[in-house]
Amino acid sequence: MQVKKFMKHSVQKVWMGWERVFELFSRLRSKYAGEFGICKMFVTQYRGKSMQCEDGTWIQDGDWIGELHLDNRQILAMLQSNEANRVALKIARLTRKAMSQICAEMQSNPQLSQVKALQGITLLHRGITHGLGFETHHVEHGAFRTLTTTYLRLLLTVFHPSHRKRITGHADKLIPVKLVMSRASLFRQFGPLEMETAM
């Protein structure tokens, strides 16, 4: 049991080392990088087919978008001392708080004036993003989808080894999706008027 626990922590430590390298690379290729609680945002140019949001906003190749990433170090720390379902609820609450902070930054920072939308890619979008206002879009078939699927399934296994059976038995359902929110939708959902109503 001790050996298994040691191996689990060793793998997680190696993975977090890789995460730091990935974060450094993301910062280097970004026009802007910011940390908002449990979320990180990297502003990059969108690459891919044109995509229309539900409010009519078009995102086209070359447009500036805010890539959202959860802080996996914080999530790992929570998983080490809490049950998985409680962690999911906490992540959802912290993500809502982070979105409010991102909204305020988008409204006040001239450097972000050209950001047309926010985008994140995830396997587990149902519970964590419920009520946040994101819309889901398919990730196009190809090398990017294959690499992203492999990466996110490995991440799920490393962070929560009990998910191995889930991945094996439900691999067809664990397909990455794009979570997208236009700039206008962000302001409607998390702007000052929404915050006053919530209070």
N, C-alpha and C. Protein backbone atom coordinates (compact mmCIF):
# COMPACT_ATOMS: atom_id res chain seq x y z
N MET A 1 0.83 -1.21 0.00
CA MET A 1 0.00 0.00 0.00
C MET A 1 0.87 1.26 0.00
N GLN A 2 1.93 1.24 0.81
CA GLN A 2 2.83 2.39 0.87
C GLN A 2 3.54 2.59 -0.47
N VAL A 3 3.91 1.47 -1.11
CA VAL A 3 4.58 1.55 -2.40
C VAL A 3 3.65 2.18 -3.44
N LYS A 4 2.38 1.74 -3.41
CA LYS A 4 1.39 2.25 -4.35
C LYS A 4 1.19 3.76 -4.15
N LYS A 5 1.13 4.16 -2.88
CA LYS A 5 0.95 5.57 -2.56
C LYS A 5 2.16 6.38 -3.01
N PHE A 6 3.37 5.81 -2.78
CA PHE A 6 4.60 6.49 -3.20
C PHE A 6 4.63 6.66 -4.71
N MET A 7 4.24 5.60 -5.44
CA MET A 7 4.23 5.66 -6.90
C MET A 7 3.24 6.71 -7.40
N LYS A 8 2.06 6.75 -6.74
CA LYS A 8 1.03 7.72 -7.12
C LYS A 8 1.55 9.15 -6.96
N HIS A 9 2.18 9.43 -5.81
CA HIS A 9 2.70 10.78 -5.56
C HIS A 9 3.86 11.11 -6.49
N SER A 10 4.66 10.10 -6.82
CA SER A 10 5.79 10.32 -7.73
C SER A 10 5.31 10.71 -9.13
N VAL A 11 4.31 9.98 -9.60
CA VAL A 11 3.74 10.28 -10.92
C VAL A 11 3.13 11.67 -10.94
N GLN A 12 2.41 12.01 -9.86
CA GLN A 12 1.79 13.34 -9.78
C GLN A 12 2.85 14.44 -9.76
N LYS A 13 3.96 14.18 -9.07
CA LYS A 13 5.04 15.17 -9.00
C LYS A 13 5.66 15.39 -10.37
N VAL A 14 5.89 14.31 -11.10
CA VAL A 14 6.45 14.41 -12.45
C VAL A 14 5.49 15.18 -13.36
N TRP A 15 4.20 14.86 -13.22
CA TRP A 15 3.20 15.52 -14.05
C TRP A 15 3.17 17.02 -13.79
N MET A 16 3.26 17.40 -12.51
CA MET A 16 3.22 18.82 -12.19
C MET A 16 4.46 19.54 -12.72
N GLY A 17 5.58 18.81 -12.81
CA GLY A 17 6.77 19.39 -13.44
C GLY A 17 6.50 19.69 -14.90
N TRP A 18 5.84 18.76 -15.57
CA TRP A 18 5.46 18.98 -16.97
C TRP A 18 4.49 20.15 -17.07
N GLU A 19 3.57 20.26 -16.12
CA GLU A 19 2.60 21.36 -16.13
C GLU A 19 3.32 22.72 -16.07
N ARG A 20 4.38 22.80 -15.28
CA ARG A 20 5.13 24.06 -15.17
C ARG A 20 5.79 24.42 -16.50
N VAL A 21 6.31 23.40 -17.19
CA VAL A 21 6.91 23.64 -18.51
C VAL A 21 5.85 24.12 -19.49
N PHE A 22 4.68 23.47 -19.46
CA PHE A 22 3.58 23.84 -20.35
C PHE A 22 3.12 25.27 -20.08
N GLU A 23 3.05 25.63 -18.80
CA GLU A 23 2.63 26.99 -18.44
C GLU A 23 3.63 28.03 -18.95
N LEU A 24 4.91 27.73 -18.82
CA LEU A 24 5.94 28.65 -19.31
C LEU A 24 5.82 28.84 -20.81
N PHE A 25 5.61 27.74 -21.52
CA PHE A 25 5.43 27.81 -22.97
C PHE A 25 4.19 28.64 -23.33
N SER A 26 3.10 28.44 -22.57
CA SER A 26 1.86 29.18 -22.82
C SER A 26 2.07 30.67 -22.62
N ARG A 27 2.82 31.03 -21.59
CA ARG A 27 3.08 32.45 -21.33
C ARG A 27 3.92 33.07 -22.45
N LEU A 28 4.88 32.32 -22.94
CA LEU A 28 5.77 32.84 -23.99
C LEU A 28 5.03 33.11 -25.29
N ARG A 29 4.01 32.29 -25.58
CA ARG A 29 3.29 32.44 -26.85
C ARG A 29 2.06 33.33 -26.73
N SER A 30 1.84 33.90 -25.54
CA SER A 30 0.62 34.67 -25.31
C SER A 30 0.88 36.17 -25.37
N LYS A 31 -0.15 36.90 -25.80
CA LYS A 31 -0.12 38.36 -25.79
C LYS A 31 -0.31 38.87 -24.36
N TYR A 32 -1.03 38.09 -23.56
CA TYR A 32 -1.34 38.46 -22.17
C TYR A 32 -1.51 37.18 -21.38
N ALA A 33 -1.05 37.17 -20.14
CA ALA A 33 -1.25 36.03 -19.25
C ALA A 33 -1.66 36.55 -17.88
N GLY A 34 -2.73 36.00 -17.33
CA GLY A 34 -3.20 36.44 -16.03
C GLY A 34 -3.70 35.29 -15.19
N GLU A 35 -3.60 35.44 -13.88
CA GLU A 35 -4.08 34.43 -12.95
C GLU A 35 -5.26 35.00 -12.17
N PHE A 36 -6.33 34.22 -12.11
CA PHE A 36 -7.56 34.65 -11.45
C PHE A 36 -8.05 33.50 -10.56
N GLY A 37 -7.49 33.42 -9.37
CA GLY A 37 -7.87 32.33 -8.47
C GLY A 37 -7.51 30.99 -9.05
N ILE A 38 -8.52 30.17 -9.28
CA ILE A 38 -8.28 28.81 -9.77
C ILE A 38 -8.12 28.77 -11.29
N CYS A 39 -8.33 29.90 -11.97
CA CYS A 39 -8.21 29.96 -13.43
C CYS A 39 -7.01 30.77 -13.89
N LYS A 40 -6.46 30.35 -15.01
CA LYS A 40 -5.42 31.11 -15.69
C LYS A 40 -5.93 31.42 -17.08
N MET A 41 -5.60 32.61 -17.58
CA MET A 41 -6.04 33.00 -18.91
C MET A 41 -4.84 33.43 -19.74
N PHE A 42 -4.73 32.85 -20.92
CA PHE A 42 -3.68 33.19 -21.86
C PHE A 42 -4.33 33.70 -23.14
N VAL A 43 -4.02 34.92 -23.52
CA VAL A 43 -4.63 35.51 -24.71
C VAL A 43 -3.80 35.16 -25.94
N THR A 44 -4.41 34.42 -26.86
CA THR A 44 -3.73 33.98 -28.08
C THR A 44 -4.67 34.18 -29.26
N GLN A 45 -4.14 33.96 -30.46
CA GLN A 45 -4.97 34.05 -31.65
C GLN A 45 -5.64 32.71 -31.93
N TYR A 46 -6.93 32.78 -32.22
CA TYR A 46 -7.71 31.58 -32.52
C TYR A 46 -7.24 30.98 -33.83
N ARG A 47 -7.08 29.66 -33.83
CA ARG A 47 -6.72 28.94 -35.05
C ARG A 47 -7.74 27.83 -35.29
N GLY A 48 -8.37 27.86 -36.43
CA GLY A 48 -9.36 26.85 -36.74
C GLY A 48 -10.47 27.40 -37.62
N LYS A 49 -11.50 26.57 -37.82
CA LYS A 49 -12.63 26.98 -38.64
C LYS A 49 -13.43 28.05 -37.91
N SER A 50 -14.09 28.91 -38.68
CA SER A 50 -14.93 29.95 -38.11
C SER A 50 -16.00 29.32 -37.23
N MET A 51 -16.31 29.97 -36.13
CA MET A 51 -17.24 29.42 -35.14
C MET A 51 -18.20 30.52 -34.70
N GLN A 52 -19.49 30.23 -34.71
CA GLN A 52 -20.49 31.21 -34.32
C GLN A 52 -21.03 30.90 -32.93
N CYS A 53 -21.03 31.91 -32.07
CA CYS A 53 -21.58 31.75 -30.72
C CYS A 53 -23.10 31.93 -30.77
N GLU A 54 -23.74 31.52 -29.70
CA GLU A 54 -25.20 31.56 -29.65
C GLU A 54 -25.75 32.98 -29.74
N ASP A 55 -24.96 33.98 -29.34
CA ASP A 55 -25.43 35.36 -29.40
C ASP A 55 -25.12 36.02 -30.74
N GLY A 56 -24.60 35.23 -31.69
CA GLY A 56 -24.31 35.74 -33.03
C GLY A 56 -22.87 36.13 -33.26
N THR A 57 -22.05 36.18 -32.21
CA THR A 57 -20.64 36.54 -32.36
C THR A 57 -19.90 35.48 -33.18
N TRP A 58 -19.16 35.94 -34.17
CA TRP A 58 -18.34 35.04 -34.98
C TRP A 58 -16.89 35.09 -34.50
N ILE A 59 -16.29 33.93 -34.32
CA ILE A 59 -14.88 33.83 -33.99
C ILE A 59 -14.19 33.22 -35.20
N GLN A 60 -13.26 33.97 -35.76
CA GLN A 60 -12.61 33.54 -37.00
C GLN A 60 -11.11 33.40 -36.80
N ASP A 61 -10.50 32.67 -37.70
CA ASP A 61 -9.06 32.43 -37.63
C ASP A 61 -8.31 33.76 -37.51
N GLY A 62 -7.47 33.86 -36.48
CA GLY A 62 -6.70 35.08 -36.26
C GLY A 62 -7.28 36.00 -35.20
N ASP A 63 -8.55 35.79 -34.81
CA ASP A 63 -9.15 36.61 -33.75
C ASP A 63 -8.48 36.32 -32.41
N TRP A 64 -8.48 37.31 -31.53
CA TRP A 64 -7.90 37.13 -30.20
C TRP A 64 -8.93 36.49 -29.26
N ILE A 65 -8.50 35.46 -28.55
CA ILE A 65 -9.36 34.78 -27.58
C ILE A 65 -8.59 34.59 -26.28
N GLY A 66 -9.32 34.43 -25.21
CA GLY A 66 -8.72 34.12 -23.92
C GLY A 66 -8.81 32.63 -23.65
N GLU A 67 -7.68 31.94 -23.66
CA GLU A 67 -7.67 30.50 -23.35
C GLU A 67 -7.70 30.33 -21.84
N LEU A 68 -8.66 29.57 -21.35
CA LEU A 68 -8.80 29.34 -19.93
C LEU A 68 -8.24 27.97 -19.54
N HIS A 69 -7.50 27.95 -18.44
CA HIS A 69 -6.95 26.71 -17.90
C HIS A 69 -7.15 26.71 -16.39
N LEU A 70 -7.62 25.58 -15.86
CA LEU A 70 -7.72 25.46 -14.41
C LEU A 70 -6.33 25.25 -13.84
N ASP A 71 -6.11 25.74 -12.63
CA ASP A 71 -4.82 25.57 -11.94
C ASP A 71 -4.78 24.17 -11.33
N ASN A 72 -4.11 23.26 -12.01
CA ASN A 72 -4.09 21.86 -11.58
C ASN A 72 -3.36 21.65 -10.26
N ARG A 73 -2.46 22.57 -9.91
CA ARG A 73 -1.80 22.44 -8.60
C ARG A 73 -2.80 22.59 -7.47
N GLN A 74 -3.71 23.56 -7.61
CA GLN A 74 -4.74 23.75 -6.60
C GLN A 74 -5.68 22.55 -6.55
N ILE A 75 -6.05 22.03 -7.73
CA ILE A 75 -6.96 20.89 -7.77
C ILE A 75 -6.33 19.66 -7.13
N LEU A 76 -5.06 19.42 -7.42
CA LEU A 76 -4.36 18.28 -6.82
C LEU A 76 -4.32 18.40 -5.31
N ALA A 77 -4.05 19.60 -4.81
CA ALA A 77 -4.01 19.82 -3.36
C ALA A 77 -5.38 19.53 -2.74
N MET A 78 -6.45 19.93 -3.41
CA MET A 78 -7.80 19.66 -2.89
C MET A 78 -8.12 18.17 -2.90
N LEU A 79 -7.71 17.47 -3.96
CA LEU A 79 -7.99 16.04 -4.06
C LEU A 79 -7.26 15.23 -3.00
N GLN A 80 -6.14 15.74 -2.52
CA GLN A 80 -5.36 15.00 -1.53
C GLN A 80 -6.01 15.00 -0.15
N SER A 81 -6.96 15.93 0.06
CA SER A 81 -7.58 16.01 1.39
C SER A 81 -9.10 16.04 1.36
N ASN A 82 -9.70 15.86 0.17
CA ASN A 82 -11.16 15.91 0.07
C ASN A 82 -11.67 14.83 -0.87
N GLU A 83 -12.94 14.47 -0.69
CA GLU A 83 -13.60 13.51 -1.56
C GLU A 83 -13.88 14.17 -2.91
N ALA A 84 -13.84 13.37 -3.98
CA ALA A 84 -13.89 13.91 -5.35
C ALA A 84 -15.12 14.76 -5.62
N ASN A 85 -16.30 14.33 -5.16
CA ASN A 85 -17.51 15.10 -5.44
C ASN A 85 -17.48 16.46 -4.74
N ARG A 86 -16.93 16.51 -3.54
CA ARG A 86 -16.80 17.78 -2.83
C ARG A 86 -15.83 18.70 -3.56
N VAL A 87 -14.78 18.12 -4.10
CA VAL A 87 -13.81 18.91 -4.86
C VAL A 87 -14.46 19.51 -6.10
N ALA A 88 -15.30 18.72 -6.79
CA ALA A 88 -15.99 19.22 -7.98
C ALA A 88 -16.87 20.41 -7.65
N LEU A 89 -17.59 20.35 -6.54
CA LEU A 89 -18.44 21.47 -6.12
C LEU A 89 -17.60 22.70 -5.79
N LYS A 90 -16.47 22.46 -5.13
CA LYS A 90 -15.59 23.58 -4.77
C LYS A 90 -14.99 24.22 -6.01
N ILE A 91 -14.60 23.39 -6.98
CA ILE A 91 -14.05 23.91 -8.22
C ILE A 91 -15.08 24.77 -8.94
N ALA A 92 -16.33 24.31 -8.97
CA ALA A 92 -17.40 25.07 -9.62
C ALA A 92 -17.56 26.44 -8.96
N ARG A 93 -17.52 26.47 -7.63
CA ARG A 93 -17.68 27.73 -6.90
C ARG A 93 -16.50 28.67 -7.16
N LEU A 94 -15.29 28.11 -7.13
CA LEU A 94 -14.09 28.91 -7.37
C LEU A 94 -14.02 29.40 -8.82
N THR A 95 -14.52 28.59 -9.74
CA THR A 95 -14.53 28.99 -11.15
C THR A 95 -15.47 30.15 -11.36
N ARG A 96 -16.64 30.13 -10.72
CA ARG A 96 -17.57 31.26 -10.82
C ARG A 96 -16.90 32.55 -10.32
N LYS A 97 -16.19 32.45 -9.20
CA LYS A 97 -15.50 33.61 -8.65
C LYS A 97 -14.43 34.10 -9.63
N ALA A 98 -13.70 33.15 -10.22
CA ALA A 98 -12.65 33.52 -11.19
C ALA A 98 -13.24 34.20 -12.41
N MET A 99 -14.40 33.74 -12.86
CA MET A 99 -15.03 34.34 -14.04
C MET A 99 -15.43 35.79 -13.77
N SER A 100 -15.87 36.07 -12.56
CA SER A 100 -16.20 37.45 -12.19
C SER A 100 -14.95 38.33 -12.24
N GLN A 101 -13.81 37.78 -11.78
CA GLN A 101 -12.56 38.52 -11.81
C GLN A 101 -12.08 38.75 -13.24
N ILE A 102 -12.23 37.74 -14.08
CA ILE A 102 -11.85 37.85 -15.49
C ILE A 102 -12.71 38.90 -16.18
N CYS A 103 -14.00 38.89 -15.87
CA CYS A 103 -14.92 39.87 -16.45
C CYS A 103 -14.48 41.29 -16.10
N ALA A 104 -14.17 41.52 -14.83
CA ALA A 104 -13.72 42.85 -14.39
C ALA A 104 -12.44 43.26 -15.11
N GLU A 105 -11.52 42.31 -15.28
CA GLU A 105 -10.26 42.60 -15.96
C GLU A 105 -10.51 42.92 -17.44
N MET A 106 -11.40 42.16 -18.06
CA MET A 106 -11.71 42.40 -19.48
C MET A 106 -12.35 43.77 -19.69
N GLN A 107 -13.11 44.22 -18.71
CA GLN A 107 -13.79 45.51 -18.84
C GLN A 107 -12.85 46.69 -18.58
N SER A 108 -11.82 46.47 -17.79
CA SER A 108 -10.97 47.59 -17.38
C SER A 108 -9.59 47.66 -18.05
N ASN A 109 -9.13 46.55 -18.60
CA ASN A 109 -7.78 46.50 -19.15
C ASN A 109 -7.79 46.72 -20.67
N PRO A 110 -7.26 47.83 -21.15
CA PRO A 110 -7.24 48.11 -22.60
C PRO A 110 -6.51 47.02 -23.39
N GLN A 111 -5.59 46.33 -22.75
CA GLN A 111 -4.82 45.28 -23.41
C GLN A 111 -5.73 44.12 -23.86
N LEU A 112 -6.91 44.03 -23.23
CA LEU A 112 -7.83 42.92 -23.53
C LEU A 112 -9.02 43.37 -24.38
N SER A 113 -8.95 44.59 -24.91
CA SER A 113 -10.10 45.14 -25.64
C SER A 113 -10.43 44.37 -26.92
N GLN A 114 -9.45 43.66 -27.47
CA GLN A 114 -9.68 42.93 -28.73
C GLN A 114 -10.05 41.47 -28.52
N VAL A 115 -10.12 41.03 -27.27
CA VAL A 115 -10.48 39.63 -26.98
C VAL A 115 -11.96 39.44 -27.27
N LYS A 116 -12.28 38.56 -28.24
CA LYS A 116 -13.67 38.39 -28.66
C LYS A 116 -14.42 37.34 -27.84
N ALA A 117 -13.67 36.41 -27.23
CA ALA A 117 -14.34 35.32 -26.51
C ALA A 117 -13.36 34.61 -25.60
N LEU A 118 -13.91 33.80 -24.72
CA LEU A 118 -13.12 32.91 -23.88
C LEU A 118 -13.33 31.49 -24.35
N GLN A 119 -12.29 30.67 -24.22
CA GLN A 119 -12.39 29.28 -24.64
C GLN A 119 -11.60 28.38 -23.72
N GLY A 120 -12.18 27.25 -23.39
CA GLY A 120 -11.47 26.22 -22.63
C GLY A 120 -11.79 24.87 -23.24
N ILE A 121 -10.92 23.90 -23.05
CA ILE A 121 -11.17 22.55 -23.57
C ILE A 121 -11.13 21.58 -22.40
N THR A 122 -12.15 20.71 -22.31
CA THR A 122 -12.24 19.82 -21.16
C THR A 122 -12.97 18.53 -21.52
N LEU A 123 -12.77 17.51 -20.68
CA LEU A 123 -13.54 16.27 -20.78
C LEU A 123 -14.76 16.32 -19.88
N LEU A 124 -14.60 16.95 -18.71
CA LEU A 124 -15.63 16.93 -17.66
C LEU A 124 -16.30 18.29 -17.57
N HIS A 125 -17.23 18.53 -18.46
CA HIS A 125 -17.84 19.86 -18.51
C HIS A 125 -19.20 19.95 -17.85
N ARG A 126 -19.89 18.83 -17.63
CA ARG A 126 -21.28 18.89 -17.17
C ARG A 126 -21.40 19.45 -15.76
N GLY A 127 -20.69 18.88 -14.81
CA GLY A 127 -20.84 19.30 -13.42
C GLY A 127 -20.14 20.61 -13.09
N ILE A 128 -18.92 20.76 -13.59
CA ILE A 128 -18.10 21.91 -13.21
C ILE A 128 -18.60 23.21 -13.82
N THR A 129 -19.11 23.16 -15.05
CA THR A 129 -19.47 24.40 -15.74
C THR A 129 -20.96 24.72 -15.68
N HIS A 130 -21.75 23.90 -14.99
CA HIS A 130 -23.19 24.13 -14.92
C HIS A 130 -23.49 25.51 -14.33
N GLY A 131 -24.30 26.27 -15.04
CA GLY A 131 -24.71 27.58 -14.54
C GLY A 131 -23.72 28.70 -14.79
N LEU A 132 -22.61 28.42 -15.45
CA LEU A 132 -21.61 29.46 -15.68
C LEU A 132 -21.83 30.22 -16.99
N GLY A 133 -22.66 29.68 -17.86
CA GLY A 133 -22.97 30.40 -19.09
C GLY A 133 -22.16 30.00 -20.31
N PHE A 134 -21.33 28.95 -20.19
CA PHE A 134 -20.56 28.50 -21.35
C PHE A 134 -21.47 27.74 -22.31
N GLU A 135 -21.15 27.82 -23.58
CA GLU A 135 -21.77 26.96 -24.58
C GLU A 135 -20.73 25.96 -25.04
N THR A 136 -21.17 24.81 -25.51
CA THR A 136 -20.23 23.76 -25.92
C THR A 136 -20.18 23.65 -27.44
N HIS A 137 -18.96 23.43 -27.94
CA HIS A 137 -18.74 23.22 -29.38
C HIS A 137 -17.85 21.99 -29.54
N HIS A 138 -18.04 21.29 -30.63
CA HIS A 138 -17.23 20.11 -30.90
C HIS A 138 -15.79 20.50 -31.24
N VAL A 139 -14.85 19.66 -30.83
CA VAL A 139 -13.47 19.81 -31.27
C VAL A 139 -13.33 19.05 -32.58
N GLU A 140 -12.81 19.72 -33.60
CA GLU A 140 -12.71 19.11 -34.92
C GLU A 140 -11.83 17.86 -34.88
N HIS A 141 -12.22 16.86 -35.68
CA HIS A 141 -11.42 15.64 -35.80
C HIS A 141 -10.06 15.98 -36.40
N GLY A 142 -9.05 15.26 -35.95
CA GLY A 142 -7.71 15.49 -36.47
C GLY A 142 -6.67 15.28 -35.38
N ALA A 143 -5.43 15.68 -35.69
CA ALA A 143 -4.32 15.46 -34.76
C ALA A 143 -4.53 16.19 -33.44
N PHE A 144 -5.06 17.42 -33.50
CA PHE A 144 -5.25 18.20 -32.28
C PHE A 144 -6.23 17.50 -31.34
N ARG A 145 -7.33 17.00 -31.89
CA ARG A 145 -8.33 16.30 -31.07
C ARG A 145 -7.73 15.03 -30.47
N THR A 146 -6.98 14.29 -31.26
CA THR A 146 -6.36 13.06 -30.76
C THR A 146 -5.39 13.34 -29.62
N LEU A 147 -4.52 14.33 -29.81
CA LEU A 147 -3.55 14.68 -28.77
C LEU A 147 -4.24 15.21 -27.52
N THR A 148 -5.25 16.05 -27.71
CA THR A 148 -5.97 16.62 -26.57
C THR A 148 -6.70 15.54 -25.79
N THR A 149 -7.33 14.60 -26.50
CA THR A 149 -8.04 13.50 -25.83
C THR A 149 -7.08 12.67 -24.99
N THR A 150 -5.94 12.32 -25.57
CA THR A 150 -4.94 11.52 -24.87
C THR A 150 -4.42 12.25 -23.63
N TYR A 151 -4.11 13.53 -23.81
CA TYR A 151 -3.57 14.34 -22.71
C TYR A 151 -4.56 14.44 -21.56
N LEU A 152 -5.82 14.76 -21.87
CA LEU A 152 -6.81 14.97 -20.81
C LEU A 152 -7.19 13.67 -20.10
N ARG A 153 -7.19 12.55 -20.83
CA ARG A 153 -7.47 11.27 -20.18
C ARG A 153 -6.33 10.88 -19.25
N LEU A 154 -5.10 11.14 -19.68
CA LEU A 154 -3.95 10.88 -18.80
C LEU A 154 -4.01 11.77 -17.56
N LEU A 155 -4.38 13.03 -17.76
CA LEU A 155 -4.50 13.95 -16.64
C LEU A 155 -5.53 13.45 -15.64
N LEU A 156 -6.67 12.98 -16.13
CA LEU A 156 -7.72 12.46 -15.26
C LEU A 156 -7.23 11.26 -14.46
N THR A 157 -6.46 10.40 -15.11
CA THR A 157 -5.93 9.21 -14.44
C THR A 157 -4.89 9.57 -13.39
N VAL A 158 -4.01 10.50 -13.74
CA VAL A 158 -2.94 10.90 -12.81
C VAL A 158 -3.51 11.57 -11.56
N PHE A 159 -4.48 12.42 -11.76
CA PHE A 159 -5.05 13.17 -10.63
C PHE A 159 -5.98 12.31 -9.78
N HIS A 160 -6.68 11.41 -10.42
CA HIS A 160 -7.66 10.62 -9.68
C HIS A 160 -7.63 9.19 -10.21
N PRO A 161 -6.70 8.34 -9.74
CA PRO A 161 -6.52 6.98 -10.26
C PRO A 161 -7.78 6.13 -10.27
N SER A 162 -8.77 6.42 -9.43
CA SER A 162 -10.01 5.64 -9.44
C SER A 162 -10.78 5.82 -10.74
N HIS A 163 -10.41 6.84 -11.52
CA HIS A 163 -11.09 7.08 -12.78
C HIS A 163 -10.60 6.16 -13.89
N ARG A 164 -9.59 5.31 -13.61
CA ARG A 164 -9.08 4.42 -14.67
C ARG A 164 -10.19 3.53 -15.22
N LYS A 165 -11.01 2.96 -14.31
CA LYS A 165 -12.09 2.08 -14.76
C LYS A 165 -13.11 2.87 -15.57
N ARG A 166 -13.37 4.09 -15.12
CA ARG A 166 -14.32 4.94 -15.83
C ARG A 166 -13.83 5.23 -17.24
N ILE A 167 -12.54 5.50 -17.37
CA ILE A 167 -11.98 5.79 -18.69
C ILE A 167 -12.07 4.57 -19.59
N THR A 168 -11.74 3.39 -19.03
CA THR A 168 -11.78 2.16 -19.80
C THR A 168 -13.19 1.81 -20.25
N GLY A 169 -14.15 2.00 -19.36
CA GLY A 169 -15.52 1.61 -19.68
C GLY A 169 -16.34 2.65 -20.41
N HIS A 170 -15.91 3.91 -20.38
CA HIS A 170 -16.69 4.98 -20.99
C HIS A 170 -15.84 5.88 -21.87
N ALA A 171 -14.85 5.27 -22.54
CA ALA A 171 -13.94 6.07 -23.35
C ALA A 171 -14.67 6.83 -24.45
N ASP A 172 -15.77 6.23 -24.96
CA ASP A 172 -16.49 6.88 -26.05
C ASP A 172 -17.17 8.17 -25.60
N LYS A 173 -17.40 8.32 -24.27
CA LYS A 173 -18.05 9.52 -23.75
C LYS A 173 -17.03 10.57 -23.30
N LEU A 174 -15.79 10.15 -23.07
CA LEU A 174 -14.77 11.08 -22.59
C LEU A 174 -14.04 11.70 -23.79
N ILE A 175 -14.77 12.52 -24.51
CA ILE A 175 -14.25 13.21 -25.68
C ILE A 175 -14.21 14.70 -25.35
N PRO A 176 -13.10 15.37 -25.63
CA PRO A 176 -13.01 16.80 -25.29
C PRO A 176 -14.01 17.65 -26.06
N VAL A 177 -14.49 18.69 -25.39
CA VAL A 177 -15.35 19.69 -26.02
C VAL A 177 -14.78 21.07 -25.75
N LYS A 178 -15.12 22.00 -26.63
CA LYS A 178 -14.76 23.40 -26.41
C LYS A 178 -15.84 24.07 -25.58
N LEU A 179 -15.44 24.74 -24.53
CA LEU A 179 -16.35 25.59 -23.78
C LEU A 179 -16.09 27.02 -24.25
N VAL A 180 -17.12 27.67 -24.75
CA VAL A 180 -16.95 28.99 -25.36
C VAL A 180 -17.91 29.99 -24.73
N MET A 181 -17.42 31.20 -24.51
CA MET A 181 -18.27 32.29 -24.05
C MET A 181 -17.82 33.57 -24.74
N SER A 182 -18.73 34.21 -25.46
CA SER A 182 -18.39 35.45 -26.14
C SER A 182 -18.15 36.55 -25.12
N ARG A 183 -17.50 37.60 -25.57
CA ARG A 183 -17.24 38.75 -24.70
C ARG A 183 -18.54 39.34 -24.15
N ALA A 184 -19.53 39.48 -25.06
CA ALA A 184 -20.81 40.05 -24.65
C ALA A 184 -21.50 39.15 -23.62
N SER A 185 -21.44 37.85 -23.83
CA SER A 185 -22.07 36.91 -22.88
C SER A 185 -21.39 36.97 -21.52
N LEU A 186 -20.06 37.10 -21.54
CA LEU A 186 -19.31 37.22 -20.28
C LEU A 186 -19.78 38.43 -19.49
N PHE A 187 -19.92 39.56 -20.18
CA PHE A 187 -20.34 40.79 -19.49
C PHE A 187 -21.77 40.68 -18.98
N ARG A 188 -22.63 40.02 -19.75
CA ARG A 188 -24.02 39.84 -19.29
C ARG A 188 -24.08 38.93 -18.07
N GLN A 189 -23.27 37.88 -18.09
CA GLN A 189 -23.32 36.87 -17.03
C GLN A 189 -22.61 37.32 -15.75
N PHE A 190 -21.50 38.05 -15.89
CA PHE A 190 -20.66 38.35 -14.72
C PHE A 190 -20.36 39.84 -14.54
N GLY A 191 -21.03 40.69 -15.31
CA GLY A 191 -20.80 42.12 -15.18
C GLY A 191 -21.41 42.70 -13.90
N PRO A 192 -21.25 44.00 -13.68
CA PRO A 192 -21.72 44.66 -12.45
C PRO A 192 -23.19 44.45 -12.16
N LEU A 193 -24.05 44.47 -13.20
CA LEU A 193 -25.48 44.29 -12.95
C LEU A 193 -25.78 42.90 -12.42
N GLU A 194 -25.09 41.90 -12.98
CA GLU A 194 -25.29 40.52 -12.51
C GLU A 194 -24.83 40.36 -11.09
N MET A 195 -23.71 41.02 -10.75
CA MET A 195 -23.17 40.92 -9.40
C MET A 195 -24.10 41.57 -8.40
N GLU A 196 -24.70 42.73 -8.77
CA GLU A 196 -25.61 43.41 -7.87
C GLU A 196 -26.84 42.56 -7.61
N THR A 197 -27.33 41.86 -8.68
CA THR A 197 -28.50 41.01 -8.53
C THR A 197 -28.19 39.86 -7.59
N ALA A 198 -26.97 39.27 -7.74
CA ALA A 198 -26.56 38.14 -6.91
C ALA A 198 -26.49 38.52 -5.44
N MET A 199 -26.12 39.80 -5.17
CA MET A 199 -26.00 40.27 -3.79
C MET A 199 -27.38 40.51 -3.20
